[in-house]
Amino acid sequence: MAMPAAEETIEPPPVSPPPPGASPVDPPSAGSGCRPPADVRREVERYEAAATVGAWQGPRYRMTYRILGDGPPLIWIPGIAATHRVYALVLNRLAERFRTIQYAYPGDDPSDGARLGRIRHEHLADDLFGLIDHLRLGRAFLAGLSFGSTVVLRAIAREPRRFPRSIVQGAFARRKFSMAERLALALGRCVPGTAAGLPLRERVLTYNSKPDFPAILQDRWPFYLEQNGLTPIRALAHRTSLVAGLDLRPTLENIHASLLLIQGREDRIVPWRYFEELKSLLPHAEAAVLPTVGHIPHLTHAELLARVVGEWLLPCPEGGPCSRDAGSRPGLAPA
């Protein structure tokens, strides 16, 4: 699949009209003879058995990271409240072509030594660069999801030459809080424990995200609730407070790197207006719209997300095999 320079709509059949100028690319449907959906817990077992776990003692906290695959490096920067397990479906597939690297934010491990009150948003980008230097990557691809998109945007504005291509999904440069986020921020300063103990959490998540799970994937919904609930409240409150004071719009004019914006048309958590704002401020970025998809395609449409990410970052030669060699793509040689 060749991604066009203009906005592209990637469908299962749309429930709302695609944006003007969009061209559909149809993935296989559930009834087209393709394999049944993967078992998410087995995918997690497969990921955890194969991934290498490491730690980097940075200046602010001890960062845990996981590496799977041996192709060109792709750093996977997670959302605001997740564990590494929720990305196993996508990373198992991307690891066939990339050296995937995902890492934990400060406070995700209560024993990581993070002093959250001293960590600002710009420090998250500093720590990303620190991990890249620790792993001696030189250059790398970036993929940031939701909150992780803000780290990607800050990093590529600061040092675009280090990132030949980047992707953000469910992205924003600034945003207002939902009720759940305001509640997490208020309680997180004084309540111990994990997000599972937040009042109304399951009700809010059900409203925002459960409709995005097709009936054939209903077993993934309790898995999502379980993993979302494992985030420490203090860490969630810290990241929410960073978003409260965040406005990256003045830095976007410095971004001229190759960037793909992926947006679920039915996303209730990061609504369409934030996607439109980013598009207007990043006129050279490409866009892929998933009309029937919400905020968490890494669980609801994992195979499609992996295909879009992989083929945009490292397109297959026309009629030829896909290369796993970092040197085969210009710009991926060590800096």
C-alpha atoms as a PDB file:
ATOM      1  CA  MET A   1       0.000   0.000   0.000  1.00  0.00           C
ATOM      2  CA  ALA A   2       1.517   3.291  -1.087  1.00  0.00           C
ATOM      3  CA  MET A   3       0.507   6.138   1.183  1.00  0.00           C
ATOM      4  CA  PRO A   4      -0.419   9.261  -0.822  1.00  0.00           C
ATOM      5  CA  ALA A   5       0.916  12.691  -0.035  1.00  0.00           C
ATOM      6  CA  ALA A   6      -2.601  13.934   0.701  1.00  0.00           C
ATOM      7  CA  GLU A   7      -4.934  12.774   3.433  1.00  0.00           C
ATOM      8  CA  GLU A   8      -5.984   9.135   3.060  1.00  0.00           C
ATOM      9  CA  THR A   9      -8.925   7.341   4.548  1.00  0.00           C
ATOM     10  CA  ILE A  10      -8.256   3.745   5.532  1.00  0.00           C
ATOM     11  CA  GLU A  11     -11.455   1.844   5.940  1.00  0.00           C
ATOM     12  CA  PRO A  12     -13.430  -0.766   7.211  1.00  0.00           C
ATOM     13  CA  PRO A  13     -16.638   0.590   5.563  1.00  0.00           C
ATOM     14  CA  PRO A  14     -17.244   4.100   6.962  1.00  0.00           C
ATOM     15  CA  VAL A  15     -20.033   5.013   9.315  1.00  0.00           C
ATOM     16  CA  SER A  16     -19.448   8.692   8.582  1.00  0.00           C
ATOM     17  CA  PRO A  17     -18.459  10.414   5.323  1.00  0.00           C
ATOM     18  CA  PRO A  18     -14.694  10.504   4.725  1.00  0.00           C
ATOM     19  CA  PRO A  19     -13.070  13.939   4.607  1.00  0.00           C
ATOM     20  CA  PRO A  20     -12.903  15.657   1.175  1.00  0.00           C
ATOM     21  CA  GLY A  21     -10.080  14.384  -0.991  1.00  0.00           C
ATOM     22  CA  ALA A  22      -9.689  11.156   0.916  1.00  0.00           C
ATOM     23  CA  SER A  23      -9.106   7.942  -0.988  1.00  0.00           C
ATOM     24  CA  PRO A  24     -10.250   4.649   0.551  1.00  0.00           C
ATOM     25  CA  VAL A  25      -7.975   1.669   1.078  1.00  0.00           C
ATOM     26  CA  ASP A  26      -9.989  -1.369   2.116  1.00  0.00           C
ATOM     27  CA  PRO A  27      -8.462  -3.897   4.538  1.00  0.00           C
ATOM     28  CA  PRO A  28      -9.837  -7.441   4.486  1.00  0.00           C
ATOM     29  CA  SER A  29     -13.253  -7.701   6.150  1.00  0.00           C
ATOM     30  CA  ALA A  30     -14.088 -10.133   8.921  1.00  0.00           C
ATOM     31  CA  GLY A  31     -16.060 -12.282   6.476  1.00  0.00           C
ATOM     32  CA  SER A  32     -13.488 -12.414   3.683  1.00  0.00           C
ATOM     33  CA  GLY A  33     -11.822 -15.636   4.731  1.00  0.00           C
ATOM     34  CA  CYS A  34      -9.008 -14.079   6.747  1.00  0.00           C
ATOM     35  CA  ARG A  35      -7.763 -15.609  10.001  1.00  0.00           C
ATOM     36  CA  PRO A  36      -9.781 -15.159  13.208  1.00  0.00           C
ATOM     37  CA  PRO A  37      -8.673 -12.355  15.555  1.00  0.00           C
ATOM     38  CA  ALA A  38      -5.568 -13.003  17.609  1.00  0.00           C
ATOM     39  CA  ASP A  39      -5.968 -13.907  21.273  1.00  0.00           C
ATOM     40  CA  VAL A  40      -4.674 -10.809  23.059  1.00  0.00           C
ATOM     41  CA  ARG A  41      -3.423 -12.639  26.158  1.00  0.00           C
ATOM     42  CA  ARG A  42      -1.511 -15.137  24.060  1.00  0.00           C
ATOM     43  CA  GLU A  43       0.005 -12.239  22.124  1.00  0.00           C
ATOM     44  CA  VAL A  44       1.124 -10.728  25.434  1.00  0.00           C
ATOM     45  CA  GLU A  45       2.720 -14.033  26.451  1.00  0.00           C
ATOM     46  CA  ARG A  46       4.480 -14.195  23.108  1.00  0.00           C
ATOM     47  CA  TYR A  47       5.733 -10.607  23.448  1.00  0.00           C
ATOM     48  CA  GLU A  48       6.961 -11.006  27.011  1.00  0.00           C
ATOM     49  CA  ALA A  49       8.736 -14.279  26.182  1.00  0.00           C
ATOM     50  CA  ALA A  50      10.607 -12.752  23.234  1.00  0.00           C
ATOM     51  CA  ALA A  51      11.258  -9.128  24.245  1.00  0.00           C
ATOM     52  CA  THR A  52      14.515  -8.124  25.907  1.00  0.00           C
ATOM     53  CA  VAL A  53      14.035  -6.028  29.050  1.00  0.00           C
ATOM     54  CA  GLY A  54      16.614  -3.390  29.927  1.00  0.00           C
ATOM     55  CA  ALA A  55      16.996  -0.366  32.185  1.00  0.00           C
ATOM     56  CA  TRP A  56      18.706   2.988  31.808  1.00  0.00           C
ATOM     57  CA  GLN A  57      19.558   5.022  34.895  1.00  0.00           C
ATOM     58  CA  GLY A  58      18.768   8.505  33.689  1.00  0.00           C
ATOM     59  CA  PRO A  59      19.045  11.802  35.540  1.00  0.00           C
ATOM     60  CA  ARG A  60      15.400  11.756  36.690  1.00  0.00           C
ATOM     61  CA  TYR A  61      14.422   8.089  37.017  1.00  0.00           C
ATOM     62  CA  ARG A  62      15.394   4.546  36.161  1.00  0.00           C
ATOM     63  CA  MET A  63      13.740   3.922  32.806  1.00  0.00           C
ATOM     64  CA  THR A  64      12.653   0.381  31.944  1.00  0.00           C
ATOM     65  CA  TYR A  65      12.483  -0.442  28.235  1.00  0.00           C
ATOM     66  CA  ARG A  66      11.640  -3.483  26.120  1.00  0.00           C
ATOM     67  CA  ILE A  67      13.134  -4.359  22.734  1.00  0.00           C
ATOM     68  CA  LEU A  68      11.690  -6.768  20.199  1.00  0.00           C
ATOM     69  CA  GLY A  69      12.948  -7.323  16.649  1.00  0.00           C
ATOM     70  CA  ASP A  70      16.221  -6.564  14.920  1.00  0.00           C
ATOM     71  CA  GLY A  71      15.419  -4.213  12.027  1.00  0.00           C
ATOM     72  CA  PRO A  72      15.641  -0.402  11.851  1.00  0.00           C
ATOM     73  CA  PRO A  73      14.933   1.113  15.292  1.00  0.00           C
ATOM     74  CA  LEU A  74      11.355   2.215  15.981  1.00  0.00           C
ATOM     75  CA  ILE A  75      10.715   3.846  19.361  1.00  0.00           C
ATOM     76  CA  TRP A  76       7.110   3.356  20.504  1.00  0.00           C
ATOM     77  CA  ILE A  77       6.004   6.078  22.943  1.00  0.00           C
ATOM     78  CA  PRO A  78       2.868   5.102  24.898  1.00  0.00           C
ATOM     79  CA  GLY A  79      -0.317   6.846  25.922  1.00  0.00           C
ATOM     80  CA  ILE A  80      -1.118   8.419  29.254  1.00  0.00           C
ATOM     81  CA  ALA A  81      -2.489   5.350  31.080  1.00  0.00           C
ATOM     82  CA  ALA A  82      -1.346   1.997  29.747  1.00  0.00           C
ATOM     83  CA  THR A  83       1.055  -0.842  30.344  1.00  0.00           C
ATOM     84  CA  HIS A  84       3.498  -2.281  27.838  1.00  0.00           C
ATOM     85  CA  ARG A  85       1.155  -5.252  27.407  1.00  0.00           C
ATOM     86  CA  VAL A  86      -1.573  -3.346  25.561  1.00  0.00           C
ATOM     87  CA  TYR A  87       0.811  -2.774  22.638  1.00  0.00           C
ATOM     88  CA  ALA A  88       1.847  -6.410  22.240  1.00  0.00           C
ATOM     89  CA  LEU A  89      -0.539  -7.061  19.342  1.00  0.00           C
ATOM     90  CA  VAL A  90       0.953  -4.257  17.254  1.00  0.00           C
ATOM     91  CA  LEU A  91       4.583  -4.651  18.294  1.00  0.00           C
ATOM     92  CA  ASN A  92       4.637  -8.389  17.604  1.00  0.00           C
ATOM     93  CA  ARG A  93       3.785  -7.535  14.013  1.00  0.00           C
ATOM     94  CA  LEU A  94       6.035  -4.512  13.654  1.00  0.00           C
ATOM     95  CA  ALA A  95       8.961  -6.521  15.078  1.00  0.00           C
ATOM     96  CA  GLU A  96       8.956  -8.538  11.875  1.00  0.00           C
ATOM     97  CA  ARG A  97      10.459  -5.485  10.161  1.00  0.00           C
ATOM     98  CA  PHE A  98      11.714  -3.187  12.942  1.00  0.00           C
ATOM     99  CA  ARG A  99      13.693  -3.189  16.165  1.00  0.00           C
ATOM    100  CA  THR A 100      10.805  -1.999  18.318  1.00  0.00           C
ATOM    101  CA  ILE A 101      11.561  -0.207  21.575  1.00  0.00           C
ATOM    102  CA  GLN A 102       8.921   0.849  24.098  1.00  0.00           C
ATOM    103  CA  TYR A 103       9.668   2.374  27.481  1.00  0.00           C
ATOM    104  CA  ALA A 104       7.961   3.321  30.731  1.00  0.00           C
ATOM    105  CA  TYR A 105       7.251   6.866  31.895  1.00  0.00           C
ATOM    106  CA  PRO A 106       8.472   8.177  35.261  1.00  0.00           C
ATOM    107  CA  GLY A 107       6.341   6.850  38.088  1.00  0.00           C
ATOM    108  CA  ASP A 108       4.995   3.826  36.219  1.00  0.00           C
ATOM    109  CA  ASP A 109       7.240   1.736  38.464  1.00  0.00           C
ATOM    110  CA  PRO A 110       6.917   3.088  42.014  1.00  0.00           C
ATOM    111  CA  SER A 111      10.516   2.017  42.700  1.00  0.00           C
ATOM    112  CA  ASP A 112      12.043   3.875  39.716  1.00  0.00           C
ATOM    113  CA  GLY A 113      13.229   6.800  41.884  1.00  0.00           C
ATOM    114  CA  ALA A 114      11.227   9.460  40.002  1.00  0.00           C
ATOM    115  CA  ARG A 115      10.486  12.690  41.847  1.00  0.00           C
ATOM    116  CA  LEU A 116       7.419  13.533  39.816  1.00  0.00           C
ATOM    117  CA  GLY A 117       7.007  17.054  41.120  1.00  0.00           C
ATOM    118  CA  ARG A 118      10.349  18.019  39.555  1.00  0.00           C
ATOM    119  CA  ILE A 119       9.711  16.502  36.120  1.00  0.00           C
ATOM    120  CA  ARG A 120       8.356  18.818  33.410  1.00  0.00           C
ATOM    121  CA  HIS A 121       7.162  17.936  29.931  1.00  0.00           C
ATOM    122  CA  GLU A 122      10.415  18.994  28.271  1.00  0.00           C
ATOM    123  CA  HIS A 123      12.218  16.505  30.510  1.00  0.00           C
ATOM    124  CA  LEU A 124      10.296  13.687  28.807  1.00  0.00           C
ATOM    125  CA  ALA A 125      11.916  14.668  25.518  1.00  0.00           C
ATOM    126  CA  ASP A 126      15.291  14.929  27.262  1.00  0.00           C
ATOM    127  CA  ASP A 127      14.834  11.376  28.543  1.00  0.00           C
ATOM    128  CA  LEU A 128      13.903  10.131  25.062  1.00  0.00           C
ATOM    129  CA  PHE A 129      17.198  11.517  23.734  1.00  0.00           C
ATOM    130  CA  GLY A 130      18.989   9.994  26.702  1.00  0.00           C
ATOM    131  CA  LEU A 131      17.572   6.568  25.879  1.00  0.00           C
ATOM    132  CA  ILE A 132      18.587   6.942  22.222  1.00  0.00           C
ATOM    133  CA  ASP A 133      22.144   7.767  23.286  1.00  0.00           C
ATOM    134  CA  HIS A 134      22.160   4.927  25.829  1.00  0.00           C
ATOM    135  CA  LEU A 135      21.155   2.454  23.117  1.00  0.00           C
ATOM    136  CA  ARG A 136      23.551   4.063  20.602  1.00  0.00           C
ATOM    137  CA  LEU A 137      20.838   4.288  18.003  1.00  0.00           C
ATOM    138  CA  GLY A 138      21.969   7.373  16.128  1.00  0.00           C
ATOM    139  CA  ARG A 139      18.750   7.852  14.183  1.00  0.00           C
ATOM    140  CA  ALA A 140      15.410   6.185  14.771  1.00  0.00           C
ATOM    141  CA  PHE A 141      11.792   6.185  13.724  1.00  0.00           C
ATOM    142  CA  LEU A 142       9.288   7.496  16.294  1.00  0.00           C
ATOM    143  CA  ALA A 143       5.668   6.529  16.915  1.00  0.00           C
ATOM    144  CA  GLY A 144       3.729   8.315  19.661  1.00  0.00           C
ATOM    145  CA  LEU A 145       0.189   7.521  20.760  1.00  0.00           C
ATOM    146  CA  SER A 146      -2.074  10.139  22.344  1.00  0.00           C
ATOM    147  CA  PHE A 147      -0.001  11.634  25.198  1.00  0.00           C
ATOM    148  CA  GLY A 148       3.065  10.063  23.570  1.00  0.00           C
ATOM    149  CA  SER A 149       2.400  12.186  20.494  1.00  0.00           C
ATOM    150  CA  THR A 150       3.306  15.300  22.499  1.00  0.00           C
ATOM    151  CA  VAL A 151       6.735  13.839  23.254  1.00  0.00           C
ATOM    152  CA  VAL A 152       7.222  13.052  19.556  1.00  0.00           C
ATOM    153  CA  LEU A 153       6.203  16.565  18.500  1.00  0.00           C
ATOM    154  CA  ARG A 154       8.592  18.160  20.985  1.00  0.00           C
ATOM    155  CA  ALA A 155      11.454  15.845  19.982  1.00  0.00           C
ATOM    156  CA  ILE A 156      11.168  16.310  16.210  1.00  0.00           C
ATOM    157  CA  ALA A 157      10.852  20.076  16.620  1.00  0.00           C
ATOM    158  CA  ARG A 158      14.073  20.080  18.635  1.00  0.00           C
ATOM    159  CA  GLU A 159      16.259  17.725  16.577  1.00  0.00           C
ATOM    160  CA  PRO A 160      14.524  16.751  13.317  1.00  0.00           C
ATOM    161  CA  ARG A 161      17.652  15.240  11.728  1.00  0.00           C
ATOM    162  CA  ARG A 162      17.635  12.382  14.217  1.00  0.00           C
ATOM    163  CA  PHE A 163      14.189  11.170  13.127  1.00  0.00           C
ATOM    164  CA  PRO A 164      13.829  10.486   9.382  1.00  0.00           C
ATOM    165  CA  ARG A 165      10.127   9.637   9.718  1.00  0.00           C
ATOM    166  CA  SER A 166       7.669   9.842  12.614  1.00  0.00           C
ATOM    167  CA  ILE A 167       4.056   8.925  13.307  1.00  0.00           C
ATOM    168  CA  VAL A 168       1.557  10.263  15.842  1.00  0.00           C
ATOM    169  CA  GLN A 169      -1.888   8.777  16.541  1.00  0.00           C
ATOM    170  CA  GLY A 170      -4.689  10.434  18.465  1.00  0.00           C
ATOM    171  CA  ALA A 171      -2.402  13.454  18.644  1.00  0.00           C
ATOM    172  CA  PHE A 172      -2.799  16.939  20.035  1.00  0.00           C
ATOM    173  CA  ALA A 173      -0.701  20.037  20.671  1.00  0.00           C
ATOM    174  CA  ARG A 174      -2.947  21.136  23.541  1.00  0.00           C
ATOM    175  CA  ARG A 175      -6.269  19.954  24.911  1.00  0.00           C
ATOM    176  CA  LYS A 176      -8.949  20.486  27.470  1.00  0.00           C
ATOM    177  CA  PHE A 177      -9.627  17.942  30.176  1.00  0.00           C
ATOM    178  CA  SER A 178     -12.369  15.371  30.240  1.00  0.00           C
ATOM    179  CA  MET A 179     -14.192  14.701  33.505  1.00  0.00           C
ATOM    180  CA  ALA A 180     -12.079  11.588  34.114  1.00  0.00           C
ATOM    181  CA  GLU A 181      -8.847  13.524  33.654  1.00  0.00           C
ATOM    182  CA  ARG A 182      -9.919  16.327  35.970  1.00  0.00           C
ATOM    183  CA  LEU A 183     -10.867  13.750  38.561  1.00  0.00           C
ATOM    184  CA  ALA A 184      -7.516  11.961  38.218  1.00  0.00           C
ATOM    185  CA  LEU A 185      -5.642  15.240  38.603  1.00  0.00           C
ATOM    186  CA  ALA A 186      -7.607  16.252  41.702  1.00  0.00           C
ATOM    187  CA  LEU A 187      -7.361  12.891  43.450  1.00  0.00           C
ATOM    188  CA  GLY A 188      -3.909  11.885  42.319  1.00  0.00           C
ATOM    189  CA  ARG A 189      -2.131  14.387  44.509  1.00  0.00           C
ATOM    190  CA  CYS A 190      -3.340  12.672  47.657  1.00  0.00           C
ATOM    191  CA  VAL A 191      -4.685   9.195  46.811  1.00  0.00           C
ATOM    192  CA  PRO A 192      -2.358   6.176  46.731  1.00  0.00           C
ATOM    193  CA  GLY A 193      -2.887   3.094  44.622  1.00  0.00           C
ATOM    194  CA  THR A 194      -3.650   2.513  40.970  1.00  0.00           C
ATOM    195  CA  ALA A 195      -6.158   3.902  38.501  1.00  0.00           C
ATOM    196  CA  ALA A 196      -8.432   0.910  39.137  1.00  0.00           C
ATOM    197  CA  GLY A 197      -9.459   2.655  42.362  1.00  0.00           C
ATOM    198  CA  LEU A 198     -10.601   5.890  40.681  1.00  0.00           C
ATOM    199  CA  PRO A 199     -14.351   6.463  41.029  1.00  0.00           C
ATOM    200  CA  LEU A 200     -16.316   6.374  37.759  1.00  0.00           C
ATOM    201  CA  ARG A 201     -13.262   5.136  35.838  1.00  0.00           C
ATOM    202  CA  GLU A 202     -14.983   2.118  34.279  1.00  0.00           C
ATOM    203  CA  ARG A 203     -18.121   4.097  33.482  1.00  0.00           C
ATOM    204  CA  VAL A 204     -16.155   6.834  31.702  1.00  0.00           C
ATOM    205  CA  LEU A 205     -13.977   4.364  29.793  1.00  0.00           C
ATOM    206  CA  THR A 206     -17.055   2.408  28.743  1.00  0.00           C
ATOM    207  CA  TYR A 207     -18.703   5.537  27.356  1.00  0.00           C
ATOM    208  CA  ASN A 208     -15.579   6.689  25.524  1.00  0.00           C
ATOM    209  CA  SER A 209     -14.181   3.448  24.173  1.00  0.00           C
ATOM    210  CA  LYS A 210     -16.319   0.308  24.483  1.00  0.00           C
ATOM    211  CA  PRO A 211     -18.338   1.071  21.308  1.00  0.00           C
ATOM    212  CA  ASP A 212     -15.053   0.931  19.372  1.00  0.00           C
ATOM    213  CA  PHE A 213     -14.576  -2.770  20.118  1.00  0.00           C
ATOM    214  CA  PRO A 214     -16.267  -4.936  17.452  1.00  0.00           C
ATOM    215  CA  ALA A 215     -18.357  -7.804  18.815  1.00  0.00           C
ATOM    216  CA  ILE A 216     -15.769 -10.295  17.604  1.00  0.00           C
ATOM    217  CA  LEU A 217     -13.179  -8.603  19.862  1.00  0.00           C
ATOM    218  CA  GLN A 218     -15.212  -8.315  23.050  1.00  0.00           C
ATOM    219  CA  ASP A 219     -12.642 -10.427  24.935  1.00  0.00           C
ATOM    220  CA  ARG A 220     -10.217  -7.522  24.542  1.00  0.00           C
ATOM    221  CA  TRP A 221     -12.435  -5.110  26.493  1.00  0.00           C
ATOM    222  CA  PRO A 222     -11.856  -6.640  29.960  1.00  0.00           C
ATOM    223  CA  PHE A 223      -8.152  -6.842  29.111  1.00  0.00           C
ATOM    224  CA  TYR A 224      -8.126  -3.119  28.329  1.00  0.00           C
ATOM    225  CA  LEU A 225      -9.935  -2.251  31.564  1.00  0.00           C
ATOM    226  CA  GLU A 226      -7.541  -4.408  33.558  1.00  0.00           C
ATOM    227  CA  GLN A 227      -4.385  -2.911  32.052  1.00  0.00           C
ATOM    228  CA  ASN A 228      -5.624   0.679  32.195  1.00  0.00           C
ATOM    229  CA  GLY A 229      -6.332   0.186  35.892  1.00  0.00           C
ATOM    230  CA  LEU A 230      -2.704  -0.753  36.640  1.00  0.00           C
ATOM    231  CA  THR A 231      -1.361   2.776  36.113  1.00  0.00           C
ATOM    232  CA  PRO A 232      -0.331   4.338  39.460  1.00  0.00           C
ATOM    233  CA  ILE A 233      -2.641   7.247  40.287  1.00  0.00           C
ATOM    234  CA  ARG A 234       0.302   9.525  41.138  1.00  0.00           C
ATOM    235  CA  ALA A 235       1.904   8.892  37.741  1.00  0.00           C
ATOM    236  CA  LEU A 236      -1.392   9.446  35.934  1.00  0.00           C
ATOM    237  CA  ALA A 237      -2.020  12.655  37.856  1.00  0.00           C
ATOM    238  CA  HIS A 238       1.489  13.855  37.034  1.00  0.00           C
ATOM    239  CA  ARG A 239       1.064  13.317  33.305  1.00  0.00           C
ATOM    240  CA  THR A 240      -2.387  14.905  33.402  1.00  0.00           C
ATOM    241  CA  SER A 241      -0.913  17.953  35.123  1.00  0.00           C
ATOM    242  CA  LEU A 242       1.708  18.196  32.359  1.00  0.00           C
ATOM    243  CA  VAL A 243      -1.063  18.290  29.771  1.00  0.00           C
ATOM    244  CA  ALA A 244      -2.844  21.000  31.788  1.00  0.00           C
ATOM    245  CA  GLY A 245       0.002  23.426  31.181  1.00  0.00           C
ATOM    246  CA  LEU A 246       0.946  22.230  27.697  1.00  0.00           C
ATOM    247  CA  ASP A 247       0.651  24.194  24.466  1.00  0.00           C
ATOM    248  CA  LEU A 248       3.004  23.018  21.726  1.00  0.00           C
ATOM    249  CA  ARG A 249       1.493  25.188  19.000  1.00  0.00           C
ATOM    250  CA  PRO A 250       4.357  27.735  18.987  1.00  0.00           C
ATOM    251  CA  THR A 251       6.878  24.931  18.351  1.00  0.00           C
ATOM    252  CA  LEU A 252       5.044  23.318  15.438  1.00  0.00           C
ATOM    253  CA  GLU A 253       6.356  25.846  12.926  1.00  0.00           C
ATOM    254  CA  ASN A 254       9.806  24.325  13.510  1.00  0.00           C
ATOM    255  CA  ILE A 255       8.654  20.897  12.317  1.00  0.00           C
ATOM    256  CA  HIS A 256       9.598  20.147   8.724  1.00  0.00           C
ATOM    257  CA  ALA A 257      10.355  16.445   9.210  1.00  0.00           C
ATOM    258  CA  SER A 258       8.340  13.672   7.551  1.00  0.00           C
ATOM    259  CA  LEU A 259       5.323  13.120   9.788  1.00  0.00           C
ATOM    260  CA  LEU A 260       2.125  11.072   9.519  1.00  0.00           C
ATOM    261  CA  LEU A 261      -0.970  11.967  11.561  1.00  0.00           C
ATOM    262  CA  ILE A 262      -3.235   8.966  12.221  1.00  0.00           C
ATOM    263  CA  GLN A 263      -6.694   9.755  13.523  1.00  0.00           C
ATOM    264  CA  GLY A 264      -9.671   7.579  14.380  1.00  0.00           C
ATOM    265  CA  ARG A 265     -12.765   9.288  13.003  1.00  0.00           C
ATOM    266  CA  GLU A 266     -14.835   8.080  15.985  1.00  0.00           C
ATOM    267  CA  ASP A 267     -12.267   9.104  18.638  1.00  0.00           C
ATOM    268  CA  ARG A 268     -14.114  10.509  21.655  1.00  0.00           C
ATOM    269  CA  ILE A 269     -11.022  10.989  23.817  1.00  0.00           C
ATOM    270  CA  VAL A 270      -9.042  13.204  21.426  1.00  0.00           C
ATOM    271  CA  PRO A 271     -11.832  14.595  19.242  1.00  0.00           C
ATOM    272  CA  TRP A 272     -11.634  15.573  15.588  1.00  0.00           C
ATOM    273  CA  ARG A 273     -11.003  19.281  16.261  1.00  0.00           C
ATOM    274  CA  TYR A 274      -7.531  18.537  17.666  1.00  0.00           C
ATOM    275  CA  PHE A 275      -6.643  16.592  14.534  1.00  0.00           C
ATOM    276  CA  GLU A 276      -7.855  19.467  12.361  1.00  0.00           C
ATOM    277  CA  GLU A 277      -5.807  21.930  14.399  1.00  0.00           C
ATOM    278  CA  LEU A 278      -2.643  19.861  13.979  1.00  0.00           C
ATOM    279  CA  LYS A 279      -3.254  19.497  10.241  1.00  0.00           C
ATOM    280  CA  SER A 280      -3.604  23.253   9.866  1.00  0.00           C
ATOM    281  CA  LEU A 281      -0.408  23.923  11.831  1.00  0.00           C
ATOM    282  CA  LEU A 282       1.588  21.151  10.126  1.00  0.00           C
ATOM    283  CA  PRO A 283       0.871  21.773   6.426  1.00  0.00           C
ATOM    284  CA  HIS A 284       3.615  19.398   5.263  1.00  0.00           C
ATOM    285  CA  ALA A 285       2.416  16.445   7.351  1.00  0.00           C
ATOM    286  CA  GLU A 286       0.506  13.567   5.781  1.00  0.00           C
ATOM    287  CA  ALA A 287      -2.683  12.186   7.300  1.00  0.00           C
ATOM    288  CA  ALA A 288      -4.455   8.840   7.500  1.00  0.00           C
ATOM    289  CA  VAL A 289      -8.034   8.775   8.794  1.00  0.00           C
ATOM    290  CA  LEU A 290      -9.599   5.552  10.097  1.00  0.00           C
ATOM    291  CA  PRO A 291     -13.349   6.254   9.884  1.00  0.00           C
ATOM    292  CA  THR A 292     -14.783   3.492  12.094  1.00  0.00           C
ATOM    293  CA  VAL A 293     -11.918   3.549  14.613  1.00  0.00           C
ATOM    294  CA  GLY A 294     -11.738   5.205  18.021  1.00  0.00           C
ATOM    295  CA  HIS A 295      -8.821   6.117  20.263  1.00  0.00           C
ATOM    296  CA  ILE A 296      -7.200   2.725  20.856  1.00  0.00           C
ATOM    297  CA  PRO A 297      -6.609   1.036  17.476  1.00  0.00           C
ATOM    298  CA  HIS A 298      -3.657  -0.847  18.998  1.00  0.00           C
ATOM    299  CA  LEU A 299      -6.352  -3.087  20.513  1.00  0.00           C
ATOM    300  CA  THR A 300      -9.384  -2.679  18.260  1.00  0.00           C
ATOM    301  CA  HIS A 301      -7.613  -2.625  14.862  1.00  0.00           C
ATOM    302  CA  ALA A 302      -4.101  -3.813  15.661  1.00  0.00           C
ATOM    303  CA  GLU A 303      -3.339  -5.471  12.330  1.00  0.00           C
ATOM    304  CA  LEU A 304      -4.481  -2.426  10.372  1.00  0.00           C
ATOM    305  CA  LEU A 305      -2.486  -0.052  12.586  1.00  0.00           C
ATOM    306  CA  ALA A 306       0.657  -2.160  12.247  1.00  0.00           C
ATOM    307  CA  ARG A 307       0.257  -2.220   8.461  1.00  0.00           C
ATOM    308  CA  VAL A 308      -0.229   1.546   8.183  1.00  0.00           C
ATOM    309  CA  VAL A 309       2.703   2.287  10.504  1.00  0.00           C
ATOM    310  CA  GLY A 310       5.054  -0.225   8.875  1.00  0.00           C
ATOM    311  CA  GLU A 311       4.318   0.655   5.275  1.00  0.00           C
ATOM    312  CA  TRP A 312       4.542   4.401   5.829  1.00  0.00           C
ATOM    313  CA  LEU A 313       7.776   4.279   7.818  1.00  0.00           C
ATOM    314  CA  LEU A 314       9.469   1.734   5.587  1.00  0.00           C
ATOM    315  CA  PRO A 315       7.648   1.311   2.268  1.00  0.00           C
ATOM    316  CA  CYS A 316       8.149  -1.952   0.418  1.00  0.00           C
ATOM    317  CA  PRO A 317       9.813  -1.560  -2.996  1.00  0.00           C
ATOM    318  CA  GLU A 318       7.340  -1.984  -5.838  1.00  0.00           C
ATOM    319  CA  GLY A 319       7.207  -5.692  -6.603  1.00  0.00           C
ATOM    320  CA  GLY A 320      10.085  -6.466  -4.233  1.00  0.00           C
ATOM    321  CA  PRO A 321      10.575  -7.719  -0.676  1.00  0.00           C
ATOM    322  CA  CYS A 322      10.577  -5.446   2.339  1.00  0.00           C
ATOM    323  CA  SER A 323      14.042  -4.852   3.706  1.00  0.00           C
ATOM    324  CA  ARG A 324      14.955  -5.143   7.382  1.00  0.00           C
ATOM    325  CA  ASP A 325      18.312  -3.473   6.795  1.00  0.00           C
ATOM    326  CA  ALA A 326      18.558  -0.017   8.368  1.00  0.00           C
ATOM    327  CA  GLY A 327      21.099   0.946   5.749  1.00  0.00           C
ATOM    328  CA  SER A 328      18.599   0.318   2.949  1.00  0.00           C
ATOM    329  CA  ARG A 329      16.633   3.464   3.835  1.00  0.00           C
ATOM    330  CA  PRO A 330      18.406   6.795   3.345  1.00  0.00           C
ATOM    331  CA  GLY A 331      18.788   8.693   6.597  1.00  0.00           C
ATOM    332  CA  LEU A 332      18.860   5.724   8.934  1.00  0.00           C
ATOM    333  CA  ALA A 333      22.609   5.434   9.173  1.00  0.00           C
ATOM    334  CA  PRO A 334      23.980   6.330  12.625  1.00  0.00           C
ATOM    335  CA  ALA A 335      24.299  10.066  13.178  1.00  0.00           C
END
